[in-house]
């Protein structure tokens, strides 16, 4: 026996409320859609292109995350090690070292640096690091390291040139044109090179070279140069005679040129005068061995003569040694 259940019809109030809610939803969707459409219209690409951009961004992020995870797990390092192992097994490992361009440098020092790479896979050799170690050697001005497959490291060396000798107390050290120290030598192995001395003389070698270029006729005859008081030079010629130059690059060059001119007309070098003092701007003071106690000052344009040799005297206080600084007469009187 069936039974029919009748439900009460919805009240008018509920029906009106539901219809009002639907109207609000439709209005909101219309408003939101129009806003998004307006925003999309300002973009330089379509909605389909925007979806592709989002997709690419998501995929890129996933790849980046995978790379970070792989790196943290040491996968690239393992791959590099495996590649090096395969290369070594194939014969691509360091077995020979070839050194070129060495004349004065002890080659053993180069091989000591390079042989640390021996039996290492060629791909594992850090060429820049090895070059940096070679540049630390005293004679090396520049170096180039390259791989010559399958098993050879080639090292090309550019050496520094020995320019002068720096005297430190009783030691002699070869230096280049910048004052860079190369190696210690004995006095007999200086090879006739210019000897410089005095505190800070090594740093002044470049300026000294410029000074001597002012009088090229005198340059071959200069045997030693002493840097005095970190301000000026005393030059000792191969004749044993000493020339005291004034302070200042311009003043010293001018005095040296004047001395060269006087030497050309009066044969100063090789004469009786043992020391010349040109620190006074318009005077040259001279000392002769048998003229002790005698002081003669001559004009820079004319030198007094006794017979055929230029003679004169500088202050007696300078007669102890030709390598010591000669005090100016003007400063003592």
Protein backbone atom coordinates (compact mmCIF):
# COMPACT_ATOMS: atom_id res chain seq x y z
CA UNK A 1 0.00 0.00 0.00
CA UNK A 2 1.68 3.19 -1.18
CA UNK A 3 1.63 6.40 0.68
CA UNK A 4 2.02 9.77 -0.84
CA UNK A 5 4.00 12.42 1.09
CA UNK A 6 3.28 15.95 0.26
CA UNK A 7 5.80 18.66 1.00
CA UNK A 8 4.94 22.11 1.80
CA UNK A 9 5.63 24.56 -1.04
CA UNK A 10 8.48 27.05 -0.51
CA UNK A 11 7.42 30.29 0.82
CA UNK A 12 7.55 33.34 -1.35
CA UNK A 13 10.16 34.89 0.92
CA UNK A 14 12.64 32.04 0.40
CA UNK A 15 12.12 32.01 -3.33
CA UNK A 16 12.75 35.75 -3.53
CA UNK A 17 15.91 35.45 -1.40
CA UNK A 18 17.34 32.70 -3.59
CA UNK A 19 16.62 34.64 -6.75
CA UNK A 20 18.33 37.68 -5.23
CA UNK A 21 21.47 35.65 -4.45
CA UNK A 22 21.69 34.32 -8.01
CA UNK A 23 21.39 37.82 -9.36
CA UNK A 24 24.29 38.97 -7.18
CA UNK A 25 26.46 36.06 -8.38
CA UNK A 26 25.72 36.85 -12.02
CA UNK A 27 26.57 40.49 -11.43
CA UNK A 28 29.83 39.65 -9.66
CA UNK A 29 30.87 37.29 -12.47
CA UNK A 30 30.11 39.95 -15.03
CA UNK A 31 32.11 42.56 -13.11
CA UNK A 32 35.11 40.22 -12.56
CA UNK A 33 35.11 39.09 -16.15
CA UNK A 34 35.05 42.62 -17.45
CA UNK A 35 37.95 43.60 -15.11
CA UNK A 36 40.12 40.65 -16.24
CA UNK A 37 39.25 41.34 -19.85
CA UNK A 38 40.25 44.97 -19.39
CA UNK A 39 43.55 43.92 -17.76
CA UNK A 40 44.28 41.41 -20.52
CA UNK A 41 43.67 44.04 -23.14
CA UNK A 42 46.57 46.06 -21.76
CA UNK A 43 49.02 43.12 -21.97
CA UNK A 44 51.18 42.75 -25.14
CA UNK A 45 50.21 39.08 -25.55
CA UNK A 46 47.11 36.98 -25.75
CA UNK A 47 45.60 34.78 -23.08
CA UNK A 48 46.98 31.69 -24.82
CA UNK A 49 50.46 33.17 -24.83
CA UNK A 50 50.08 34.01 -21.15
CA UNK A 51 49.30 30.38 -20.42
CA UNK A 52 52.45 29.32 -22.27
CA UNK A 53 54.52 31.78 -20.27
CA UNK A 54 53.18 30.39 -17.01
CA UNK A 55 53.90 26.87 -18.23
CA UNK A 56 57.50 27.73 -19.18
CA UNK A 57 58.04 29.47 -15.83
CA UNK A 58 56.79 26.41 -13.97
CA UNK A 59 58.98 24.07 -16.01
CA UNK A 60 62.02 26.37 -15.55
CA UNK A 61 61.50 26.42 -11.82
CA UNK A 62 61.30 22.65 -11.78
CA UNK A 63 64.55 22.34 -13.74
CA UNK A 64 66.30 24.82 -11.45
CA UNK A 65 65.12 22.95 -8.38
CA UNK A 66 66.35 19.70 -9.89
CA UNK A 67 69.78 21.26 -10.59
CA UNK A 68 70.06 22.52 -7.00
CA UNK A 69 69.17 19.11 -5.64
CA UNK A 70 71.65 17.41 -8.00
CA UNK A 71 74.40 19.83 -7.06
CA UNK A 72 73.74 19.30 -3.38
CA UNK A 73 73.98 15.57 -3.95
CA UNK A 74 77.35 15.99 -5.72
CA UNK A 75 76.19 14.74 -9.10
CA UNK A 76 78.24 17.25 -11.23
CA UNK A 77 81.38 16.46 -9.24
CA UNK A 78 80.81 12.76 -9.68
CA UNK A 79 80.30 13.29 -13.39
CA UNK A 80 83.52 15.33 -13.67
CA UNK A 81 85.48 12.71 -11.74
CA UNK A 82 84.10 9.98 -13.94
CA UNK A 83 85.01 11.95 -17.06
CA UNK A 84 88.55 12.50 -15.76
CA UNK A 85 88.84 8.81 -14.95
CA UNK A 86 87.74 7.86 -18.46
CA UNK A 87 90.18 10.39 -19.97
CA UNK A 88 93.07 9.03 -17.92
CA UNK A 89 92.24 5.46 -18.93
CA UNK A 90 92.25 6.60 -22.54
CA UNK A 91 95.81 7.94 -22.13
CA UNK A 92 94.95 11.64 -21.60
CA UNK A 93 96.99 12.18 -18.46
CA UNK A 94 100.14 14.17 -17.70
CA UNK A 95 103.21 12.07 -18.40
CA UNK A 96 105.64 14.66 -19.81
CA UNK A 97 106.49 18.32 -19.10
CA UNK A 98 108.19 20.46 -21.75
CA UNK A 99 109.82 23.73 -20.63
CA UNK A 100 110.80 26.43 -23.13
CA UNK A 101 112.51 29.83 -22.96
CA UNK A 102 114.69 29.21 -19.89
CA UNK A 103 118.21 30.72 -19.98
CA UNK A 104 119.09 31.86 -16.46
CA UNK A 105 116.29 30.37 -14.38
CA UNK A 106 116.97 27.04 -12.70
CA UNK A 107 114.72 24.65 -14.65
CA UNK A 108 114.37 22.40 -11.62
CA UNK A 109 112.22 25.07 -9.97
CA UNK A 110 109.86 24.95 -12.94
CA UNK A 111 109.70 21.17 -12.92
CA UNK A 112 109.01 21.19 -9.17
CA UNK A 113 105.84 23.17 -9.86
CA UNK A 114 104.81 21.25 -12.98
CA UNK A 115 105.54 17.70 -11.81
CA UNK A 116 102.90 18.06 -9.13
CA UNK A 117 100.47 17.50 -12.02
CA UNK A 118 102.16 14.29 -13.15
CA UNK A 119 99.85 11.27 -13.64
CA UNK A 120 96.84 13.55 -13.33
CA UNK A 121 94.14 13.55 -16.00
CA UNK A 122 94.68 16.39 -18.47
CA UNK A 123 91.18 17.69 -17.78
CA UNK A 124 91.99 18.10 -14.08
CA UNK A 125 95.07 20.30 -14.56
CA UNK A 126 94.38 23.89 -13.47
CA UNK A 127 96.43 25.84 -16.01
CA UNK A 128 95.76 29.25 -14.43
CA UNK A 129 96.79 28.06 -10.97
CA UNK A 130 100.02 26.54 -12.32
CA UNK A 131 100.80 29.75 -14.22
CA UNK A 132 100.29 31.74 -11.02
CA UNK A 133 102.82 29.56 -9.20
CA UNK A 134 105.36 30.02 -12.00
CA UNK A 135 104.96 33.80 -11.88
CA UNK A 136 106.08 33.63 -8.27
CA UNK A 137 109.58 32.54 -9.36
CA UNK A 138 112.10 35.39 -9.28
CA UNK A 139 113.28 35.19 -12.90
CA UNK A 140 109.83 34.70 -14.46
CA UNK A 141 108.38 37.80 -16.08
CA UNK A 142 105.55 35.93 -17.81
CA UNK A 143 104.53 32.32 -18.38
CA UNK A 144 102.11 30.38 -20.56
CA UNK A 145 100.92 26.86 -19.77
CA UNK A 146 99.12 24.74 -22.37
CA UNK A 147 98.06 21.15 -22.96
CA UNK A 148 99.57 19.18 -25.79
CA UNK A 149 97.39 16.11 -26.09
CA UNK A 150 97.50 13.37 -25.26
CA UNK A 151 100.00 13.54 -22.38
CA UNK A 152 102.24 16.67 -22.39
CA UNK A 153 102.17 19.97 -20.52
CA UNK A 154 104.02 22.73 -22.39
CA UNK A 155 105.41 25.65 -20.35
CA UNK A 156 106.72 28.75 -22.14
CA UNK A 157 108.77 31.07 -19.91
CA UNK A 158 109.58 34.74 -20.54
CA UNK A 159 112.53 35.65 -18.32
CA UNK A 160 113.40 38.98 -16.79
CA UNK A 161 116.59 40.69 -17.96
CA UNK A 162 119.40 41.38 -15.49
CA UNK A 163 119.91 45.14 -15.63
CA UNK A 164 122.13 45.98 -12.67
CA UNK A 165 123.53 44.64 -9.40
CA UNK A 166 122.23 45.71 -6.02
CA UNK A 167 124.87 45.72 -3.27
CA UNK A 168 123.55 44.88 0.19
CA UNK A 169 126.41 45.07 2.69
CA UNK A 170 128.73 42.35 1.34
CA UNK A 171 126.10 40.67 -0.84
CA UNK A 172 125.42 41.26 -4.52
CA UNK A 173 121.97 40.66 -6.03
CA UNK A 174 121.03 40.82 -9.70
CA UNK A 175 118.03 43.09 -10.37
CA UNK A 176 116.01 43.90 -13.48
CA UNK A 177 115.20 47.35 -14.85
CA UNK A 178 112.42 47.81 -12.27
CA UNK A 179 114.56 46.82 -9.28
CA UNK A 180 112.99 43.35 -8.97
CA UNK A 181 115.54 41.05 -7.32
CA UNK A 182 116.54 38.01 -9.38
CA UNK A 183 119.26 36.07 -7.59
CA UNK A 184 122.33 36.50 -5.44
CA UNK A 185 125.72 36.40 -7.18
CA UNK A 186 129.36 36.77 -6.25
CA UNK A 187 131.31 39.94 -6.94
CA UNK A 188 133.20 38.31 -9.79
CA UNK A 189 129.95 37.18 -11.44
CA UNK A 190 128.43 40.65 -11.73
CA UNK A 191 129.56 40.73 -15.35
CA UNK A 192 130.62 44.36 -15.32
CA UNK A 193 127.04 45.51 -14.72
CA UNK A 194 126.29 48.77 -12.96
CA UNK A 195 126.37 48.35 -9.19
CA UNK A 196 123.86 50.35 -7.14
CA UNK A 197 123.87 50.73 -3.38
CA UNK A 198 122.30 52.67 -0.55
CA UNK A 199 118.96 52.31 1.26
CA UNK A 200 116.14 52.36 -1.29
CA UNK A 201 118.49 52.21 -4.28
CA UNK A 202 116.64 49.28 -5.82
CA UNK A 203 113.43 51.29 -6.10
CA UNK A 204 115.32 54.11 -7.86
CA UNK A 205 116.89 52.04 -10.66
CA UNK A 206 114.37 53.18 -13.27
CA UNK A 207 115.01 56.85 -12.45
CA UNK A 208 118.77 56.23 -12.46
CA UNK A 209 118.56 54.81 -15.98
CA UNK A 210 116.73 57.95 -17.14
CA UNK A 211 119.39 60.10 -15.48
CA UNK A 212 122.29 58.33 -17.20
CA UNK A 213 120.52 58.61 -20.56
CA UNK A 214 120.96 62.39 -20.25
CA UNK A 215 124.72 61.92 -20.85
CA UNK A 216 125.15 58.81 -23.02
CA UNK A 217 128.88 59.49 -23.50
CA UNK A 218 129.46 59.04 -19.74
CA UNK A 219 127.11 56.08 -19.22
CA UNK A 220 129.57 53.28 -20.19
CA UNK A 221 132.14 54.67 -17.75
CA UNK A 222 129.85 54.62 -14.70
CA UNK A 223 130.73 51.65 -12.49
CA UNK A 224 128.74 52.31 -9.33
CA UNK A 225 125.89 54.55 -8.23
CA UNK A 226 125.20 55.20 -4.55
CA UNK A 227 121.79 56.52 -3.47
CA UNK A 228 122.55 59.04 -0.73
CA UNK A 229 120.03 59.93 1.98
CA UNK A 230 117.13 58.81 -0.23
CA UNK A 231 117.51 62.03 -2.21
CA UNK A 232 120.48 62.10 -4.62
CA UNK A 233 123.26 60.09 -6.34
CA UNK A 234 127.03 59.72 -6.08
CA UNK A 235 128.46 58.22 -9.27
CA UNK A 236 131.74 56.29 -9.24
CA UNK A 237 133.44 55.93 -12.61
CA UNK A 238 135.62 53.04 -13.71
CA UNK A 239 138.60 55.36 -13.16
CA UNK A 240 137.75 55.38 -9.43
CA UNK A 241 136.70 59.04 -9.51
CA UNK A 242 133.49 60.13 -7.78
CA UNK A 243 130.91 62.66 -8.96
CA UNK A 244 128.44 64.05 -6.40
CA UNK A 245 125.21 65.13 -8.11
CA UNK A 246 122.58 67.52 -6.70
CA UNK A 247 119.08 66.64 -5.55
CA UNK A 248 116.18 66.60 -7.99
CA UNK A 249 115.83 64.80 -11.31
CA UNK A 250 116.13 67.93 -13.43
CA UNK A 251 119.04 69.36 -11.44
CA UNK A 252 120.96 66.06 -11.45
CA UNK A 253 120.49 65.60 -15.21
CA UNK A 254 121.64 69.19 -15.85
CA UNK A 255 124.76 68.71 -13.71
CA UNK A 256 125.60 65.44 -15.45
CA UNK A 257 125.30 67.06 -18.89
CA UNK A 258 127.55 69.91 -17.74
CA UNK A 259 130.10 67.44 -16.38
CA UNK A 260 130.07 65.56 -19.70
CA UNK A 261 130.75 68.82 -21.54
CA UNK A 262 133.61 69.72 -19.19
CA UNK A 263 135.06 66.25 -19.51
CA UNK A 264 135.03 66.58 -23.27
CA UNK A 265 137.02 69.83 -23.18
CA UNK A 266 139.22 69.31 -20.09
CA UNK A 267 139.69 65.52 -19.80
CA UNK A 268 138.37 65.33 -16.24
CA UNK A 269 138.01 61.55 -16.17
CA UNK A 270 141.37 59.83 -15.87
CA UNK A 271 143.01 62.98 -14.53
CA UNK A 272 144.40 63.88 -11.10
CA UNK A 273 141.08 64.94 -9.59
CA UNK A 274 139.67 62.17 -7.37
CA UNK A 275 136.25 63.66 -6.61
CA UNK A 276 133.92 66.25 -8.10
CA UNK A 277 131.11 67.96 -6.19
CA UNK A 278 128.43 69.58 -8.37
CA UNK A 279 125.76 70.12 -5.75
CA UNK A 280 126.20 73.89 -5.92
CA UNK A 281 124.17 75.18 -8.89
CA UNK A 282 126.97 77.20 -10.52
CA UNK A 283 130.14 75.70 -9.03
CA UNK A 284 132.16 72.50 -9.22
CA UNK A 285 134.42 71.61 -6.27
CA UNK A 286 137.36 69.24 -6.85
CA UNK A 287 139.83 67.24 -4.77
CA UNK A 288 143.27 66.00 -5.77
CA UNK A 289 145.27 63.41 -3.77
CA UNK A 290 148.27 65.63 -3.05
CA UNK A 291 146.23 68.78 -2.45
CA UNK A 292 145.00 68.06 1.08
CA UNK A 293 143.83 71.12 2.90
CA UNK A 294 143.49 73.03 -0.35
CA UNK A 295 140.05 74.08 -1.52
CA UNK A 296 139.46 75.30 -5.05
CA UNK A 297 136.06 76.10 -6.46
CA UNK A 298 135.73 76.62 -10.19
CA UNK A 299 132.89 77.97 -12.24
CA UNK A 300 130.82 75.32 -13.96
CA UNK A 301 131.80 76.93 -17.26
CA UNK A 302 135.56 76.84 -16.69
CA UNK A 303 137.87 74.45 -14.85
CA UNK A 304 141.35 75.52 -13.61
CA UNK A 305 144.35 73.67 -15.07
CA UNK A 306 147.77 72.64 -13.81
CA UNK A 307 149.75 71.42 -16.77
CA UNK A 308 147.37 69.43 -18.93
CA UNK A 309 145.19 67.98 -16.17
CA UNK A 310 142.25 69.56 -14.36
CA UNK A 311 142.94 69.95 -10.64
CA UNK A 312 141.18 71.29 -7.62
CA UNK A 313 139.96 70.38 -4.15
CA UNK A 314 136.75 69.73 -2.26
CA UNK A 315 136.44 70.00 1.55
CA UNK A 316 139.02 67.98 3.51
CA UNK A 317 136.16 66.17 5.30
CA UNK A 318 135.43 64.31 2.04
CA UNK A 319 138.97 62.95 1.57
CA UNK A 320 138.52 59.82 3.67
CA UNK A 321 136.81 57.74 1.00
CA UNK A 322 135.56 58.40 -2.54
CA UNK A 323 132.36 56.44 -1.79
CA UNK A 324 131.19 58.65 1.06
CA UNK A 325 129.00 61.69 0.60
CA UNK A 326 130.98 64.85 -0.11
CA UNK A 327 129.67 67.81 1.97
CA UNK A 328 129.13 71.02 0.03
CA UNK A 329 131.54 73.87 0.80
CA UNK A 330 128.68 76.35 0.84
CA UNK A 331 127.02 74.40 3.63
CA UNK A 332 130.14 74.39 5.80
CA UNK A 333 131.14 78.04 5.45
